[in-house]
Amino acid sequence: MQMSALLSFILAGMNLCIEDFHQVRAYNRKQYIQQQTNFIFLVIILHCKSYYSKLNFFFISTCYVSSEKKIIFRER
């Protein structure tokens, strides 16, 4: 059950990445892809650490997504 929740969360994040990717200027796309790849690895690492509760896991990942989107929108 936990693994399917993790996979659905990552897939939802990747869908957002794909939608945002087309809105990022061409010269920022390489940096954008790197940021999103880092986010996916961060999600997997946090999920695998047993001492994080589910609430902390989703809170931290949501904050990370929000901060990444602010950076991208500021660059435009």
N, C-alpha and C. Protein backbone atom coordinates (compact mmCIF):
# COMPACT_ATOMS: atom_id res chain seq x y z
N MET A 1 0.83 -1.21 0.00
CA MET A 1 0.00 0.00 0.00
C MET A 1 0.87 1.26 0.00
N GLN A 2 1.92 1.26 0.83
CA GLN A 2 2.79 2.43 0.88
C GLN A 2 3.48 2.67 -0.46
N MET A 3 3.93 1.59 -1.10
CA MET A 3 4.64 1.74 -2.36
C MET A 3 3.71 2.28 -3.44
N SER A 4 2.46 1.84 -3.48
CA SER A 4 1.54 2.36 -4.50
C SER A 4 1.23 3.83 -4.25
N ALA A 5 1.16 4.23 -2.98
CA ALA A 5 0.95 5.65 -2.66
C ALA A 5 2.14 6.47 -3.13
N LEU A 6 3.34 5.96 -2.91
CA LEU A 6 4.55 6.66 -3.35
C LEU A 6 4.57 6.80 -4.87
N LEU A 7 4.26 5.71 -5.57
CA LEU A 7 4.27 5.76 -7.03
C LEU A 7 3.23 6.72 -7.57
N SER A 8 2.05 6.72 -6.99
CA SER A 8 1.01 7.65 -7.48
C SER A 8 1.40 9.09 -7.22
N PHE A 9 2.07 9.33 -6.07
CA PHE A 9 2.53 10.68 -5.74
C PHE A 9 3.59 11.14 -6.74
N ILE A 10 4.53 10.25 -7.06
CA ILE A 10 5.59 10.59 -8.03
C ILE A 10 4.99 10.82 -9.41
N LEU A 11 4.04 9.98 -9.82
CA LEU A 11 3.42 10.16 -11.14
C LEU A 11 2.64 11.47 -11.22
N ALA A 12 1.95 11.83 -10.13
CA ALA A 12 1.24 13.11 -10.12
C ALA A 12 2.23 14.26 -10.24
N GLY A 13 3.35 14.15 -9.52
CA GLY A 13 4.39 15.18 -9.60
C GLY A 13 4.97 15.28 -11.00
N MET A 14 5.17 14.13 -11.65
CA MET A 14 5.73 14.13 -13.00
C MET A 14 4.75 14.75 -13.99
N ASN A 15 3.45 14.54 -13.79
CA ASN A 15 2.46 15.18 -14.67
C ASN A 15 2.52 16.69 -14.54
N LEU A 16 2.67 17.18 -13.30
CA LEU A 16 2.82 18.62 -13.10
C LEU A 16 4.09 19.13 -13.77
N CYS A 17 5.16 18.34 -13.68
CA CYS A 17 6.43 18.72 -14.30
C CYS A 17 6.26 18.87 -15.81
N ILE A 18 5.56 17.92 -16.42
CA ILE A 18 5.38 17.94 -17.87
C ILE A 18 4.55 19.15 -18.28
N GLU A 19 3.51 19.46 -17.52
CA GLU A 19 2.69 20.63 -17.83
C GLU A 19 3.51 21.91 -17.71
N ASP A 20 4.31 22.01 -16.64
CA ASP A 20 5.11 23.21 -16.44
C ASP A 20 6.26 23.31 -17.44
N PHE A 21 6.75 22.16 -17.89
CA PHE A 21 7.92 22.14 -18.78
C PHE A 21 7.69 22.99 -20.02
N HIS A 22 6.47 22.96 -20.56
CA HIS A 22 6.19 23.70 -21.78
C HIS A 22 6.09 25.20 -21.53
N GLN A 23 5.95 25.60 -20.27
CA GLN A 23 5.85 27.02 -19.95
C GLN A 23 7.21 27.64 -19.63
N VAL A 24 8.24 26.80 -19.51
CA VAL A 24 9.58 27.30 -19.16
C VAL A 24 10.32 27.64 -20.45
N ARG A 25 11.03 28.75 -20.42
CA ARG A 25 11.78 29.15 -21.61
C ARG A 25 12.83 28.09 -21.97
N ALA A 26 13.17 28.05 -23.23
CA ALA A 26 14.06 27.00 -23.74
C ALA A 26 15.39 26.96 -22.98
N TYR A 27 15.98 28.10 -22.67
CA TYR A 27 17.29 28.09 -22.02
C TYR A 27 17.21 27.70 -20.55
N ASN A 28 16.02 27.68 -19.97
CA ASN A 28 15.85 27.26 -18.58
C ASN A 28 15.45 25.79 -18.45
N ARG A 29 15.18 25.12 -19.57
CA ARG A 29 14.63 23.76 -19.51
C ARG A 29 15.60 22.76 -18.91
N LYS A 30 16.89 22.87 -19.23
CA LYS A 30 17.86 21.92 -18.69
C LYS A 30 17.91 22.04 -17.17
N GLN A 31 17.93 23.26 -16.66
CA GLN A 31 17.95 23.49 -15.21
C GLN A 31 16.64 22.99 -14.59
N TYR A 32 15.52 23.20 -15.27
CA TYR A 32 14.22 22.76 -14.77
C TYR A 32 14.18 21.24 -14.63
N ILE A 33 14.68 20.54 -15.66
CA ILE A 33 14.69 19.07 -15.62
C ILE A 33 15.54 18.59 -14.44
N GLN A 34 16.69 19.24 -14.22
CA GLN A 34 17.56 18.85 -13.11
C GLN A 34 16.85 19.06 -11.77
N GLN A 35 16.15 20.17 -11.60
CA GLN A 35 15.43 20.44 -10.35
C GLN A 35 14.36 19.38 -10.10
N GLN A 36 13.62 19.01 -11.14
CA GLN A 36 12.55 18.03 -10.96
C GLN A 36 13.12 16.65 -10.68
N THR A 37 14.25 16.31 -11.30
CA THR A 37 14.89 15.02 -11.02
C THR A 37 15.34 14.98 -9.57
N ASN A 38 15.92 16.08 -9.10
CA ASN A 38 16.34 16.15 -7.69
C ASN A 38 15.14 15.97 -6.77
N PHE A 39 14.01 16.55 -7.14
CA PHE A 39 12.81 16.43 -6.31
C PHE A 39 12.35 14.98 -6.22
N ILE A 40 12.36 14.27 -7.34
CA ILE A 40 11.91 12.87 -7.33
C ILE A 40 12.82 12.02 -6.44
N PHE A 41 14.14 12.26 -6.52
CA PHE A 41 15.05 11.53 -5.65
C PHE A 41 14.81 11.88 -4.18
N LEU A 42 14.53 13.16 -3.91
CA LEU A 42 14.26 13.58 -2.54
C LEU A 42 13.02 12.88 -1.99
N VAL A 43 11.99 12.78 -2.81
CA VAL A 43 10.76 12.11 -2.38
C VAL A 43 11.04 10.65 -2.04
N ILE A 44 11.81 9.97 -2.90
CA ILE A 44 12.11 8.55 -2.66
C ILE A 44 12.92 8.39 -1.38
N ILE A 45 13.93 9.25 -1.19
CA ILE A 45 14.78 9.14 0.01
C ILE A 45 13.95 9.38 1.27
N LEU A 46 13.13 10.43 1.26
CA LEU A 46 12.32 10.73 2.46
C LEU A 46 11.33 9.60 2.74
N HIS A 47 10.79 9.02 1.68
CA HIS A 47 9.80 7.96 1.87
C HIS A 47 10.45 6.72 2.48
N CYS A 48 11.69 6.47 2.11
CA CYS A 48 12.37 5.26 2.58
C CYS A 48 12.86 5.39 4.01
N LYS A 49 12.99 6.58 4.51
CA LYS A 49 13.46 6.75 5.89
C LYS A 49 12.29 6.47 6.84
N SER A 50 12.44 5.46 7.67
CA SER A 50 11.32 4.99 8.48
C SER A 50 10.93 5.96 9.59
N TYR A 51 11.83 6.84 10.01
CA TYR A 51 11.50 7.72 11.14
C TYR A 51 10.69 8.94 10.73
N TYR A 52 10.46 9.16 9.43
CA TYR A 52 9.56 10.24 9.01
C TYR A 52 8.13 9.73 9.05
N SER A 53 7.27 10.48 9.66
CA SER A 53 5.86 10.09 9.63
C SER A 53 5.28 10.48 8.27
N LYS A 54 4.13 9.93 7.92
CA LYS A 54 3.51 10.26 6.63
C LYS A 54 3.19 11.75 6.55
N LEU A 55 2.76 12.34 7.65
CA LEU A 55 2.42 13.75 7.64
C LEU A 55 3.65 14.60 7.30
N ASN A 56 4.78 14.30 7.96
CA ASN A 56 6.01 15.04 7.67
C ASN A 56 6.44 14.84 6.24
N PHE A 57 6.31 13.62 5.75
CA PHE A 57 6.71 13.30 4.37
C PHE A 57 5.94 14.17 3.38
N PHE A 58 4.62 14.21 3.51
CA PHE A 58 3.82 14.99 2.57
C PHE A 58 4.01 16.49 2.77
N PHE A 59 4.20 16.93 4.02
CA PHE A 59 4.41 18.35 4.30
C PHE A 59 5.72 18.83 3.66
N ILE A 60 6.79 18.06 3.88
CA ILE A 60 8.09 18.44 3.33
C ILE A 60 8.05 18.45 1.81
N SER A 61 7.45 17.40 1.21
CA SER A 61 7.42 17.35 -0.25
C SER A 61 6.55 18.47 -0.82
N THR A 62 5.47 18.82 -0.17
CA THR A 62 4.62 19.91 -0.66
C THR A 62 5.36 21.23 -0.59
N CYS A 63 6.07 21.46 0.50
CA CYS A 63 6.85 22.70 0.63
C CYS A 63 7.91 22.77 -0.45
N TYR A 64 8.55 21.64 -0.74
CA TYR A 64 9.60 21.61 -1.76
C TYR A 64 9.01 21.93 -3.13
N VAL A 65 7.86 21.35 -3.45
CA VAL A 65 7.21 21.63 -4.74
C VAL A 65 6.87 23.11 -4.83
N SER A 66 6.32 23.68 -3.75
CA SER A 66 5.94 25.09 -3.76
C SER A 66 7.15 25.98 -4.00
N SER A 67 8.25 25.68 -3.32
CA SER A 67 9.44 26.52 -3.47
C SER A 67 10.01 26.40 -4.89
N GLU A 68 9.98 25.20 -5.47
CA GLU A 68 10.49 25.03 -6.83
C GLU A 68 9.63 25.82 -7.82
N LYS A 69 8.32 25.80 -7.65
CA LYS A 69 7.44 26.52 -8.57
C LYS A 69 7.68 28.02 -8.46
N LYS A 70 7.89 28.52 -7.24
CA LYS A 70 8.16 29.96 -7.08
C LYS A 70 9.44 30.35 -7.80
N ILE A 71 10.47 29.50 -7.71
CA ILE A 71 11.74 29.78 -8.39
C ILE A 71 11.53 29.83 -9.90
N ILE A 72 10.78 28.87 -10.42
CA ILE A 72 10.55 28.80 -11.87
C ILE A 72 9.75 30.02 -12.34
N PHE A 73 8.71 30.37 -11.60
CA PHE A 73 7.89 31.51 -12.02
C PHE A 73 8.69 32.81 -11.91
N ARG A 74 9.58 32.92 -10.94
CA ARG A 74 10.38 34.12 -10.80
C ARG A 74 11.37 34.25 -11.96
N GLU A 75 11.85 33.12 -12.50
CA GLU A 75 12.82 33.18 -13.59
C GLU A 75 12.19 33.64 -14.90
N ARG A 76 10.89 33.46 -15.04
CA ARG A 76 10.24 33.77 -16.31
C ARG A 76 10.22 35.23 -16.63
